[in-house]
N, C-alpha and C. Protein backbone atom coordinates (compact mmCIF):
# COMPACT_ATOMS: atom_id res chain seq x y z
N UNK A 1 24.72 -10.99 -24.32
CA UNK A 1 23.99 -10.04 -23.49
C UNK A 1 23.30 -10.79 -22.36
N UNK A 2 23.42 -10.27 -21.15
CA UNK A 2 22.82 -10.88 -19.97
C UNK A 2 21.53 -10.14 -19.62
N UNK A 3 20.40 -10.83 -19.74
CA UNK A 3 19.10 -10.23 -19.44
C UNK A 3 18.43 -11.03 -18.32
N UNK A 4 18.32 -10.40 -17.15
CA UNK A 4 17.83 -11.08 -15.96
C UNK A 4 16.48 -10.56 -15.51
N UNK A 5 15.61 -11.48 -15.10
CA UNK A 5 14.41 -11.12 -14.35
C UNK A 5 14.74 -11.45 -12.91
N UNK A 6 14.80 -10.43 -12.05
CA UNK A 6 15.03 -10.66 -10.62
C UNK A 6 13.67 -10.77 -9.97
N UNK A 7 13.43 -11.86 -9.27
CA UNK A 7 12.09 -12.24 -8.87
C UNK A 7 12.06 -12.63 -7.41
N UNK A 8 10.91 -12.48 -6.80
CA UNK A 8 10.72 -12.91 -5.43
C UNK A 8 9.62 -12.11 -4.77
N UNK A 9 9.12 -12.60 -3.66
CA UNK A 9 8.04 -11.91 -2.95
C UNK A 9 8.53 -10.61 -2.30
N UNK A 10 7.58 -9.77 -1.88
CA UNK A 10 7.97 -8.56 -1.17
C UNK A 10 8.85 -8.92 0.04
N UNK A 11 9.96 -8.23 0.19
CA UNK A 11 10.85 -8.47 1.33
C UNK A 11 11.91 -9.52 1.08
N UNK A 12 11.97 -10.07 -0.14
CA UNK A 12 12.94 -11.13 -0.43
C UNK A 12 14.36 -10.59 -0.61
N UNK A 13 14.48 -9.28 -0.84
CA UNK A 13 15.81 -8.68 -1.02
C UNK A 13 16.14 -8.32 -2.45
N UNK A 14 15.12 -8.21 -3.29
CA UNK A 14 15.34 -7.90 -4.71
C UNK A 14 16.06 -6.57 -4.90
N UNK A 15 15.65 -5.55 -4.19
CA UNK A 15 16.25 -4.22 -4.35
C UNK A 15 17.73 -4.23 -3.99
N UNK A 16 18.05 -4.86 -2.89
CA UNK A 16 19.44 -4.95 -2.43
C UNK A 16 20.30 -5.70 -3.44
N UNK A 17 19.82 -6.86 -3.89
CA UNK A 17 20.61 -7.68 -4.81
C UNK A 17 20.66 -7.05 -6.20
N UNK A 18 19.60 -6.38 -6.59
CA UNK A 18 19.56 -5.71 -7.89
C UNK A 18 20.68 -4.68 -8.00
N UNK A 19 20.84 -3.88 -6.96
CA UNK A 19 21.91 -2.85 -6.97
C UNK A 19 23.29 -3.49 -7.14
N UNK A 20 23.52 -4.59 -6.45
CA UNK A 20 24.81 -5.27 -6.53
C UNK A 20 25.03 -5.88 -7.92
N UNK A 21 23.98 -6.45 -8.50
CA UNK A 21 24.08 -7.04 -9.84
C UNK A 21 24.34 -5.98 -10.91
N UNK A 22 23.66 -4.84 -10.78
CA UNK A 22 23.86 -3.73 -11.73
C UNK A 22 25.31 -3.27 -11.69
N UNK A 23 25.85 -3.13 -10.48
CA UNK A 23 27.24 -2.67 -10.33
C UNK A 23 28.23 -3.69 -10.90
N UNK A 24 28.03 -4.97 -10.59
CA UNK A 24 28.99 -5.99 -11.01
C UNK A 24 28.96 -6.25 -12.51
N UNK A 25 27.75 -6.37 -13.07
CA UNK A 25 27.62 -6.77 -14.47
C UNK A 25 27.34 -5.60 -15.42
N UNK A 26 27.27 -4.38 -14.87
CA UNK A 26 27.02 -3.17 -15.68
C UNK A 26 25.70 -3.25 -16.45
N UNK A 27 24.69 -3.79 -15.80
CA UNK A 27 23.38 -3.96 -16.42
C UNK A 27 22.57 -2.67 -16.36
N UNK A 28 21.69 -2.48 -17.32
CA UNK A 28 20.76 -1.35 -17.30
C UNK A 28 19.55 -1.80 -16.49
N UNK A 29 19.18 -0.98 -15.52
CA UNK A 29 18.07 -1.28 -14.62
C UNK A 29 16.76 -0.89 -15.29
N UNK A 30 15.89 -1.85 -15.50
CA UNK A 30 14.59 -1.58 -16.10
C UNK A 30 13.51 -1.74 -15.03
N UNK A 31 13.24 -0.66 -14.33
CA UNK A 31 12.18 -0.62 -13.33
C UNK A 31 10.97 0.01 -13.98
N UNK A 32 9.88 -0.75 -14.06
CA UNK A 32 8.70 -0.21 -14.76
C UNK A 32 8.19 1.07 -14.09
N UNK A 33 8.27 1.13 -12.76
CA UNK A 33 7.84 2.35 -12.07
C UNK A 33 8.67 3.55 -12.48
N UNK A 34 9.99 3.39 -12.51
CA UNK A 34 10.89 4.48 -12.92
C UNK A 34 10.64 4.87 -14.37
N UNK A 35 10.48 3.86 -15.24
CA UNK A 35 10.27 4.13 -16.67
C UNK A 35 8.97 4.91 -16.87
N UNK A 36 7.90 4.48 -16.19
CA UNK A 36 6.62 5.19 -16.30
C UNK A 36 6.76 6.65 -15.88
N UNK A 37 7.37 6.86 -14.72
CA UNK A 37 7.53 8.25 -14.23
C UNK A 37 8.34 9.09 -15.21
N UNK A 38 9.40 8.51 -15.77
CA UNK A 38 10.26 9.23 -16.69
C UNK A 38 9.53 9.57 -18.00
N UNK A 39 8.78 8.63 -18.53
CA UNK A 39 8.05 8.87 -19.78
C UNK A 39 6.99 9.95 -19.58
N UNK A 40 6.33 9.94 -18.42
CA UNK A 40 5.31 10.96 -18.12
C UNK A 40 5.99 12.32 -17.96
N UNK A 41 7.09 12.35 -17.23
CA UNK A 41 7.82 13.61 -17.01
C UNK A 41 8.28 14.21 -18.34
N UNK A 42 8.76 13.36 -19.24
CA UNK A 42 9.25 13.84 -20.53
C UNK A 42 8.14 14.01 -21.57
N UNK A 43 6.92 13.77 -21.14
CA UNK A 43 5.73 13.94 -21.99
C UNK A 43 5.86 13.26 -23.35
N UNK A 44 6.40 12.02 -23.32
CA UNK A 44 6.46 11.23 -24.56
C UNK A 44 5.04 10.79 -24.91
N UNK A 45 4.87 10.31 -26.12
CA UNK A 45 3.54 9.84 -26.54
C UNK A 45 3.07 8.69 -25.63
N UNK A 46 3.97 7.74 -25.34
CA UNK A 46 3.60 6.64 -24.44
C UNK A 46 3.33 7.17 -23.04
N UNK A 47 4.11 8.15 -22.60
CA UNK A 47 3.90 8.76 -21.29
C UNK A 47 2.53 9.40 -21.16
N UNK A 48 2.11 10.10 -22.22
CA UNK A 48 0.78 10.73 -22.23
C UNK A 48 -0.32 9.67 -22.16
N UNK A 49 -0.13 8.58 -22.92
CA UNK A 49 -1.13 7.50 -22.89
C UNK A 49 -1.20 6.88 -21.49
N UNK A 50 -0.04 6.64 -20.89
CA UNK A 50 0.01 6.04 -19.55
C UNK A 50 -0.66 6.95 -18.53
N UNK A 51 -0.36 8.24 -18.61
CA UNK A 51 -0.92 9.21 -17.66
C UNK A 51 -2.44 9.23 -17.72
N UNK A 52 -2.99 9.10 -18.92
CA UNK A 52 -4.45 9.09 -19.06
C UNK A 52 -5.07 7.94 -18.27
N UNK A 53 -4.45 6.78 -18.29
CA UNK A 53 -4.96 5.64 -17.50
C UNK A 53 -4.74 5.88 -16.01
N UNK A 54 -3.55 6.36 -15.65
CA UNK A 54 -3.22 6.56 -14.24
C UNK A 54 -4.12 7.63 -13.61
N UNK A 55 -4.44 8.67 -14.38
CA UNK A 55 -5.30 9.74 -13.87
C UNK A 55 -6.70 9.24 -13.53
N UNK A 56 -7.10 8.13 -14.16
CA UNK A 56 -8.40 7.52 -13.88
C UNK A 56 -8.28 6.44 -12.81
N UNK A 57 -7.07 6.26 -12.28
CA UNK A 57 -6.85 5.25 -11.25
C UNK A 57 -6.79 3.84 -11.82
N UNK A 58 -6.52 3.73 -13.12
CA UNK A 58 -6.47 2.42 -13.77
C UNK A 58 -5.02 1.99 -13.98
N UNK A 59 -4.83 0.68 -14.12
CA UNK A 59 -3.51 0.15 -14.44
C UNK A 59 -3.16 0.51 -15.88
N UNK A 60 -1.90 0.80 -16.11
CA UNK A 60 -1.44 1.07 -17.47
C UNK A 60 -1.43 -0.26 -18.23
N UNK A 61 -2.07 -0.33 -19.41
CA UNK A 61 -2.12 -1.59 -20.15
C UNK A 61 -0.72 -2.11 -20.51
N UNK A 62 -0.64 -3.45 -20.60
CA UNK A 62 0.63 -4.12 -20.87
C UNK A 62 1.31 -3.59 -22.13
N UNK A 63 0.52 -3.34 -23.21
CA UNK A 63 1.14 -2.92 -24.47
C UNK A 63 1.86 -1.57 -24.33
N UNK A 64 1.35 -0.69 -23.49
CA UNK A 64 2.01 0.60 -23.28
C UNK A 64 3.29 0.39 -22.47
N UNK A 65 3.21 -0.44 -21.42
CA UNK A 65 4.40 -0.71 -20.60
C UNK A 65 5.48 -1.38 -21.45
N UNK A 66 5.08 -2.36 -22.26
CA UNK A 66 6.04 -3.05 -23.14
C UNK A 66 6.67 -2.04 -24.11
N UNK A 67 5.87 -1.13 -24.63
CA UNK A 67 6.39 -0.09 -25.53
C UNK A 67 7.45 0.76 -24.85
N UNK A 68 7.21 1.11 -23.59
CA UNK A 68 8.18 1.91 -22.83
C UNK A 68 9.47 1.12 -22.59
N UNK A 69 9.33 -0.15 -22.25
CA UNK A 69 10.51 -1.00 -22.02
C UNK A 69 11.29 -1.13 -23.33
N UNK A 70 10.57 -1.30 -24.45
CA UNK A 70 11.23 -1.40 -25.76
C UNK A 70 12.03 -0.15 -26.06
N UNK A 71 11.47 1.02 -25.76
CA UNK A 71 12.18 2.29 -25.99
C UNK A 71 13.47 2.36 -25.17
N UNK A 72 13.38 1.92 -23.91
CA UNK A 72 14.55 1.96 -23.02
C UNK A 72 15.61 0.96 -23.52
N UNK A 73 15.18 -0.21 -23.98
CA UNK A 73 16.13 -1.20 -24.51
C UNK A 73 16.80 -0.64 -25.77
N UNK A 74 15.98 -0.07 -26.66
CA UNK A 74 16.53 0.49 -27.91
C UNK A 74 17.55 1.59 -27.63
N UNK A 75 17.31 2.38 -26.58
CA UNK A 75 18.23 3.47 -26.23
C UNK A 75 19.52 2.95 -25.60
N UNK A 76 19.51 1.69 -25.15
CA UNK A 76 20.68 1.11 -24.47
C UNK A 76 21.09 -0.22 -25.11
N UNK A 77 20.86 -0.36 -26.40
CA UNK A 77 21.03 -1.64 -27.08
C UNK A 77 22.48 -2.16 -27.02
N UNK A 78 23.45 -1.30 -26.81
CA UNK A 78 24.85 -1.74 -26.75
C UNK A 78 25.33 -2.02 -25.33
N UNK A 79 24.41 -2.04 -24.38
CA UNK A 79 24.80 -2.32 -22.99
C UNK A 79 25.08 -3.82 -22.84
N UNK A 80 25.75 -4.21 -21.73
CA UNK A 80 26.02 -5.64 -21.50
C UNK A 80 24.75 -6.44 -21.19
N UNK A 81 23.65 -5.75 -20.89
CA UNK A 81 22.41 -6.45 -20.59
C UNK A 81 21.47 -5.62 -19.74
N UNK A 82 20.39 -6.26 -19.34
CA UNK A 82 19.33 -5.57 -18.61
C UNK A 82 18.88 -6.41 -17.42
N UNK A 83 18.43 -5.72 -16.38
CA UNK A 83 17.82 -6.40 -15.24
C UNK A 83 16.39 -5.86 -15.12
N UNK A 84 15.43 -6.76 -15.18
CA UNK A 84 14.02 -6.40 -15.13
C UNK A 84 13.55 -6.43 -13.68
N UNK A 85 13.00 -5.31 -13.24
CA UNK A 85 12.59 -5.11 -11.86
C UNK A 85 11.10 -4.75 -11.84
N UNK A 86 10.29 -5.63 -11.28
CA UNK A 86 8.86 -5.35 -11.21
C UNK A 86 8.11 -5.69 -12.49
N UNK A 87 8.75 -6.37 -13.38
CA UNK A 87 8.14 -6.75 -14.65
C UNK A 87 8.93 -7.92 -15.20
N UNK A 88 8.29 -8.92 -15.73
CA UNK A 88 6.84 -9.12 -15.82
C UNK A 88 6.24 -9.56 -14.49
N UNK A 89 4.94 -9.32 -14.36
CA UNK A 89 4.21 -9.74 -13.15
C UNK A 89 3.16 -10.80 -13.46
N UNK A 90 2.87 -10.98 -14.75
CA UNK A 90 1.88 -11.98 -15.15
C UNK A 90 2.45 -12.79 -16.33
N UNK A 91 1.86 -13.95 -16.58
CA UNK A 91 2.31 -14.78 -17.70
C UNK A 91 2.10 -14.04 -19.01
N UNK A 92 0.99 -13.32 -19.15
CA UNK A 92 0.75 -12.56 -20.38
C UNK A 92 1.86 -11.52 -20.59
N UNK A 93 2.25 -10.83 -19.52
CA UNK A 93 3.34 -9.85 -19.64
C UNK A 93 4.64 -10.54 -20.05
N UNK A 94 4.91 -11.72 -19.49
CA UNK A 94 6.13 -12.46 -19.83
C UNK A 94 6.12 -12.85 -21.31
N UNK A 95 4.98 -13.28 -21.81
CA UNK A 95 4.86 -13.65 -23.23
C UNK A 95 5.10 -12.43 -24.12
N UNK A 96 4.50 -11.30 -23.75
CA UNK A 96 4.67 -10.08 -24.54
C UNK A 96 6.12 -9.60 -24.50
N UNK A 97 6.74 -9.71 -23.33
CA UNK A 97 8.15 -9.34 -23.20
C UNK A 97 9.02 -10.22 -24.09
N UNK A 98 8.75 -11.54 -24.08
CA UNK A 98 9.51 -12.46 -24.93
C UNK A 98 9.37 -12.09 -26.41
N UNK A 99 8.16 -11.75 -26.84
CA UNK A 99 7.93 -11.36 -28.24
C UNK A 99 8.73 -10.11 -28.60
N UNK A 100 8.63 -9.09 -27.73
CA UNK A 100 9.33 -7.84 -27.99
C UNK A 100 10.84 -8.06 -28.05
N UNK A 101 11.37 -8.85 -27.12
CA UNK A 101 12.80 -9.12 -27.11
C UNK A 101 13.21 -9.90 -28.37
N UNK A 102 12.40 -10.88 -28.77
CA UNK A 102 12.71 -11.68 -29.96
C UNK A 102 12.80 -10.80 -31.22
N UNK A 103 11.98 -9.75 -31.27
CA UNK A 103 12.04 -8.82 -32.40
C UNK A 103 13.39 -8.11 -32.47
N UNK A 104 14.12 -8.12 -31.37
CA UNK A 104 15.44 -7.47 -31.30
C UNK A 104 16.56 -8.52 -31.22
N UNK A 105 16.21 -9.76 -31.50
CA UNK A 105 17.15 -10.88 -31.39
C UNK A 105 17.73 -11.01 -29.98
N UNK A 106 16.89 -10.74 -28.99
CA UNK A 106 17.27 -10.84 -27.58
C UNK A 106 16.34 -11.83 -26.89
N UNK A 107 16.72 -12.24 -25.70
CA UNK A 107 15.85 -13.09 -24.89
C UNK A 107 16.24 -12.94 -23.42
N UNK A 108 15.36 -13.43 -22.55
CA UNK A 108 15.67 -13.47 -21.13
C UNK A 108 16.71 -14.58 -20.92
N UNK A 109 17.79 -14.25 -20.24
CA UNK A 109 18.84 -15.25 -19.95
C UNK A 109 18.42 -16.14 -18.79
N UNK A 110 17.85 -15.51 -17.75
CA UNK A 110 17.48 -16.26 -16.55
C UNK A 110 16.50 -15.46 -15.70
N UNK A 111 15.68 -16.23 -14.98
CA UNK A 111 14.88 -15.65 -13.90
C UNK A 111 15.57 -16.11 -12.62
N UNK A 112 16.09 -15.15 -11.87
CA UNK A 112 16.70 -15.43 -10.58
C UNK A 112 15.62 -15.17 -9.53
N UNK A 113 15.21 -16.23 -8.85
CA UNK A 113 14.11 -16.14 -7.91
C UNK A 113 14.65 -16.28 -6.48
N UNK A 114 14.50 -15.22 -5.70
CA UNK A 114 14.93 -15.25 -4.30
C UNK A 114 13.83 -15.92 -3.48
N UNK A 115 14.18 -17.02 -2.83
CA UNK A 115 13.21 -17.81 -2.08
C UNK A 115 13.41 -17.60 -0.59
N UNK A 116 12.35 -17.06 0.04
CA UNK A 116 12.39 -16.73 1.46
C UNK A 116 11.08 -17.18 2.09
N UNK A 117 11.16 -17.81 3.26
CA UNK A 117 9.98 -18.29 3.95
C UNK A 117 9.08 -17.13 4.39
N UNK A 118 7.79 -17.44 4.48
CA UNK A 118 6.76 -16.46 4.81
C UNK A 118 7.06 -15.63 6.07
N UNK A 119 7.35 -16.32 7.18
CA UNK A 119 7.57 -15.60 8.45
C UNK A 119 8.76 -14.64 8.36
N UNK A 120 9.80 -15.05 7.64
CA UNK A 120 10.97 -14.19 7.46
C UNK A 120 10.61 -12.95 6.63
N UNK A 121 9.76 -13.12 5.62
CA UNK A 121 9.32 -11.98 4.80
C UNK A 121 8.60 -10.95 5.67
N UNK A 122 7.68 -11.43 6.49
CA UNK A 122 6.91 -10.53 7.37
C UNK A 122 7.86 -9.79 8.30
N UNK A 123 8.80 -10.54 8.90
CA UNK A 123 9.77 -9.94 9.83
C UNK A 123 10.60 -8.86 9.12
N UNK A 124 11.09 -9.18 7.93
CA UNK A 124 11.92 -8.21 7.18
C UNK A 124 11.13 -6.95 6.82
N UNK A 125 9.90 -7.15 6.35
CA UNK A 125 9.11 -5.99 5.93
C UNK A 125 8.75 -5.10 7.12
N UNK A 126 8.41 -5.71 8.25
CA UNK A 126 8.14 -4.91 9.45
C UNK A 126 9.39 -4.15 9.88
N UNK A 127 10.55 -4.81 9.80
CA UNK A 127 11.82 -4.15 10.12
C UNK A 127 12.11 -3.00 9.17
N UNK A 128 11.88 -3.22 7.89
CA UNK A 128 12.10 -2.17 6.89
C UNK A 128 11.15 -1.00 7.14
N UNK A 129 9.91 -1.32 7.55
CA UNK A 129 8.92 -0.28 7.81
C UNK A 129 9.33 0.65 8.93
N UNK A 130 10.00 0.10 9.94
CA UNK A 130 10.48 0.93 11.05
C UNK A 130 11.54 1.91 10.59
N UNK A 131 12.37 1.49 9.65
CA UNK A 131 13.47 2.33 9.16
C UNK A 131 13.00 3.30 8.08
N UNK A 132 12.21 2.78 7.11
CA UNK A 132 11.84 3.57 5.94
C UNK A 132 10.63 4.46 6.18
N UNK A 133 9.77 4.07 7.11
CA UNK A 133 8.54 4.81 7.32
C UNK A 133 7.45 4.46 6.31
N UNK A 134 7.73 3.50 5.42
CA UNK A 134 6.72 3.10 4.43
C UNK A 134 5.52 2.49 5.13
N UNK A 135 4.35 3.06 4.89
CA UNK A 135 3.13 2.59 5.55
C UNK A 135 2.82 1.14 5.19
N UNK A 136 3.09 0.74 3.93
CA UNK A 136 2.76 -0.62 3.50
C UNK A 136 3.69 -1.66 4.12
N UNK A 137 4.76 -1.22 4.78
CA UNK A 137 5.66 -2.13 5.47
C UNK A 137 5.46 -2.11 6.99
N UNK A 138 4.42 -1.42 7.46
CA UNK A 138 4.21 -1.31 8.90
C UNK A 138 2.95 -2.01 9.39
N UNK A 139 2.10 -2.44 8.47
CA UNK A 139 0.82 -3.04 8.83
C UNK A 139 0.85 -4.51 8.41
N UNK A 140 0.76 -5.41 9.40
CA UNK A 140 0.85 -6.84 9.13
C UNK A 140 -0.23 -7.30 8.15
N UNK A 141 -1.44 -6.76 8.25
CA UNK A 141 -2.51 -7.20 7.34
C UNK A 141 -2.21 -6.77 5.90
N UNK A 142 -1.61 -5.61 5.72
CA UNK A 142 -1.22 -5.14 4.38
C UNK A 142 -0.08 -6.03 3.85
N UNK A 143 0.88 -6.31 4.71
CA UNK A 143 2.00 -7.19 4.32
C UNK A 143 1.47 -8.56 3.91
N UNK A 144 0.59 -9.13 4.72
CA UNK A 144 0.01 -10.44 4.42
C UNK A 144 -0.70 -10.41 3.06
N UNK A 145 -1.43 -9.32 2.80
CA UNK A 145 -2.14 -9.22 1.53
C UNK A 145 -1.16 -9.12 0.36
N UNK A 146 -0.09 -8.35 0.51
CA UNK A 146 0.91 -8.23 -0.56
C UNK A 146 1.53 -9.59 -0.88
N UNK A 147 1.83 -10.37 0.17
CA UNK A 147 2.41 -11.70 -0.04
C UNK A 147 1.38 -12.61 -0.71
N UNK A 148 0.12 -12.51 -0.29
CA UNK A 148 -0.95 -13.32 -0.89
C UNK A 148 -1.12 -12.99 -2.37
N UNK A 149 -1.13 -11.70 -2.71
CA UNK A 149 -1.26 -11.28 -4.10
C UNK A 149 -0.07 -11.81 -4.91
N UNK A 150 1.12 -11.71 -4.35
CA UNK A 150 2.31 -12.24 -5.03
C UNK A 150 2.13 -13.74 -5.30
N UNK A 151 1.75 -14.50 -4.26
CA UNK A 151 1.59 -15.96 -4.40
C UNK A 151 0.53 -16.33 -5.43
N UNK A 152 -0.57 -15.58 -5.46
CA UNK A 152 -1.68 -15.92 -6.36
C UNK A 152 -1.46 -15.43 -7.79
N UNK A 153 -0.91 -14.23 -7.93
CA UNK A 153 -0.87 -13.61 -9.25
C UNK A 153 0.51 -13.62 -9.91
N UNK A 154 1.56 -13.50 -9.13
CA UNK A 154 2.89 -13.35 -9.71
C UNK A 154 3.70 -14.64 -9.68
N UNK A 155 3.60 -15.41 -8.61
CA UNK A 155 4.39 -16.65 -8.48
C UNK A 155 4.20 -17.63 -9.64
N UNK A 156 3.01 -17.68 -10.31
CA UNK A 156 2.88 -18.59 -11.45
C UNK A 156 3.92 -18.36 -12.57
N UNK A 157 4.57 -17.21 -12.58
CA UNK A 157 5.64 -16.96 -13.56
C UNK A 157 6.80 -17.92 -13.40
N UNK A 158 6.98 -18.44 -12.20
CA UNK A 158 8.07 -19.39 -11.97
C UNK A 158 7.91 -20.58 -12.92
N UNK A 159 6.69 -21.10 -13.04
CA UNK A 159 6.45 -22.25 -13.93
C UNK A 159 6.70 -21.88 -15.38
N UNK A 160 6.33 -20.66 -15.76
CA UNK A 160 6.55 -20.19 -17.14
C UNK A 160 8.04 -20.25 -17.49
N UNK A 161 8.87 -19.74 -16.59
CA UNK A 161 10.31 -19.73 -16.86
C UNK A 161 10.95 -21.11 -16.65
N UNK A 162 10.37 -21.92 -15.75
CA UNK A 162 10.87 -23.30 -15.57
C UNK A 162 10.72 -24.08 -16.87
N UNK A 163 9.58 -23.91 -17.53
CA UNK A 163 9.33 -24.61 -18.80
C UNK A 163 10.36 -24.22 -19.86
N UNK A 164 10.92 -23.02 -19.75
CA UNK A 164 11.94 -22.56 -20.70
C UNK A 164 13.35 -22.93 -20.22
N UNK A 165 13.44 -23.54 -19.03
CA UNK A 165 14.75 -23.89 -18.47
C UNK A 165 15.52 -22.67 -17.98
N UNK A 166 14.79 -21.59 -17.64
CA UNK A 166 15.44 -20.33 -17.27
C UNK A 166 15.23 -19.94 -15.82
N UNK A 167 14.54 -20.76 -15.03
CA UNK A 167 14.28 -20.43 -13.63
C UNK A 167 15.40 -20.97 -12.76
N UNK A 168 15.94 -20.09 -11.89
CA UNK A 168 16.98 -20.49 -10.95
C UNK A 168 16.59 -19.96 -9.57
N UNK A 169 16.23 -20.87 -8.67
CA UNK A 169 15.87 -20.47 -7.32
C UNK A 169 17.12 -20.32 -6.46
N UNK A 170 17.17 -19.23 -5.72
CA UNK A 170 18.29 -18.93 -4.83
C UNK A 170 17.74 -18.78 -3.41
N UNK A 171 18.33 -19.52 -2.47
CA UNK A 171 17.92 -19.39 -1.06
C UNK A 171 18.23 -17.97 -0.61
N UNK A 172 17.18 -17.23 -0.24
CA UNK A 172 17.32 -15.81 0.06
C UNK A 172 17.52 -15.48 1.52
N UNK A 173 17.99 -16.46 2.31
CA UNK A 173 18.26 -16.19 3.72
C UNK A 173 19.75 -16.41 3.96
N UNK A 174 20.34 -15.47 4.70
CA UNK A 174 21.77 -15.49 4.97
C UNK A 174 22.29 -14.08 4.83
N UNK A 175 23.60 -13.94 4.77
CA UNK A 175 24.15 -12.59 4.63
C UNK A 175 23.92 -12.11 3.20
N UNK A 176 23.83 -10.81 3.04
CA UNK A 176 23.64 -10.20 1.72
C UNK A 176 24.74 -10.67 0.77
N UNK A 177 25.97 -10.70 1.26
CA UNK A 177 27.11 -11.09 0.41
C UNK A 177 27.05 -12.56 0.03
N UNK A 178 26.63 -13.44 0.95
CA UNK A 178 26.52 -14.87 0.63
C UNK A 178 25.44 -15.11 -0.43
N UNK A 179 24.32 -14.42 -0.28
CA UNK A 179 23.23 -14.56 -1.26
C UNK A 179 23.71 -14.05 -2.62
N UNK A 180 24.40 -12.91 -2.61
CA UNK A 180 24.92 -12.34 -3.86
C UNK A 180 25.92 -13.30 -4.52
N UNK A 181 26.77 -13.91 -3.72
CA UNK A 181 27.75 -14.86 -4.25
C UNK A 181 27.04 -16.04 -4.93
N UNK A 182 25.96 -16.53 -4.32
CA UNK A 182 25.19 -17.63 -4.91
C UNK A 182 24.52 -17.21 -6.22
N UNK A 183 24.03 -15.98 -6.25
CA UNK A 183 23.43 -15.46 -7.50
C UNK A 183 24.51 -15.40 -8.59
N UNK A 184 25.67 -14.87 -8.25
CA UNK A 184 26.76 -14.73 -9.23
C UNK A 184 27.23 -16.09 -9.74
N UNK A 185 27.31 -17.08 -8.86
CA UNK A 185 27.68 -18.44 -9.30
C UNK A 185 26.67 -18.95 -10.32
N UNK A 186 25.39 -18.70 -10.06
CA UNK A 186 24.35 -19.13 -10.99
C UNK A 186 24.50 -18.42 -12.33
N UNK A 187 24.73 -17.12 -12.29
CA UNK A 187 24.88 -16.34 -13.52
C UNK A 187 26.09 -16.81 -14.31
N UNK A 188 27.20 -17.04 -13.62
CA UNK A 188 28.41 -17.51 -14.32
C UNK A 188 28.17 -18.87 -14.98
N UNK A 189 27.31 -19.68 -14.36
CA UNK A 189 26.99 -20.98 -14.93
C UNK A 189 26.15 -20.90 -16.20
N UNK A 190 25.41 -19.80 -16.38
CA UNK A 190 24.58 -19.68 -17.59
C UNK A 190 25.21 -18.80 -18.67
N UNK A 191 26.25 -18.07 -18.30
CA UNK A 191 26.86 -17.16 -19.29
C UNK A 191 27.60 -17.92 -20.37
């Protein structure tokens, strides 16, 4: 089973590459945002718990998010694998994810980290903002803050996966197809 954490700062191209990886390897997409919305819509017990936190403007606790991911994995246990999108974001979340996966005799195969220089990220996000209309992609100060938050809070996960020998950095500048080809070469090397 191929279980990937697709990683990188805002604007690195995770969404674009994720779609291509899902299509090629038939992976189940585990987007925490999508899972949360679905659990709330279906009024599951975890969805009700999550909604109570969200209604107060609070972050949904890790144990509830992990529970939702576990449910999605259990429902797709015979799939070729999973791609984690937007999770984990902290070392604690990565540890909890590892524990939950181990209970199912699964593990993360690799963290594929798209590496893109700061100025290129800003340029890409501003360009995306013009097309998408997303407010958070149109304001340089908001973009700078998102990159800063990523560097301070999320980037430390790279060391966590490096210690496990599962971190693979991919140069995220070039054509979409060239970057995808480099990701696939890396995946084929670990399969």
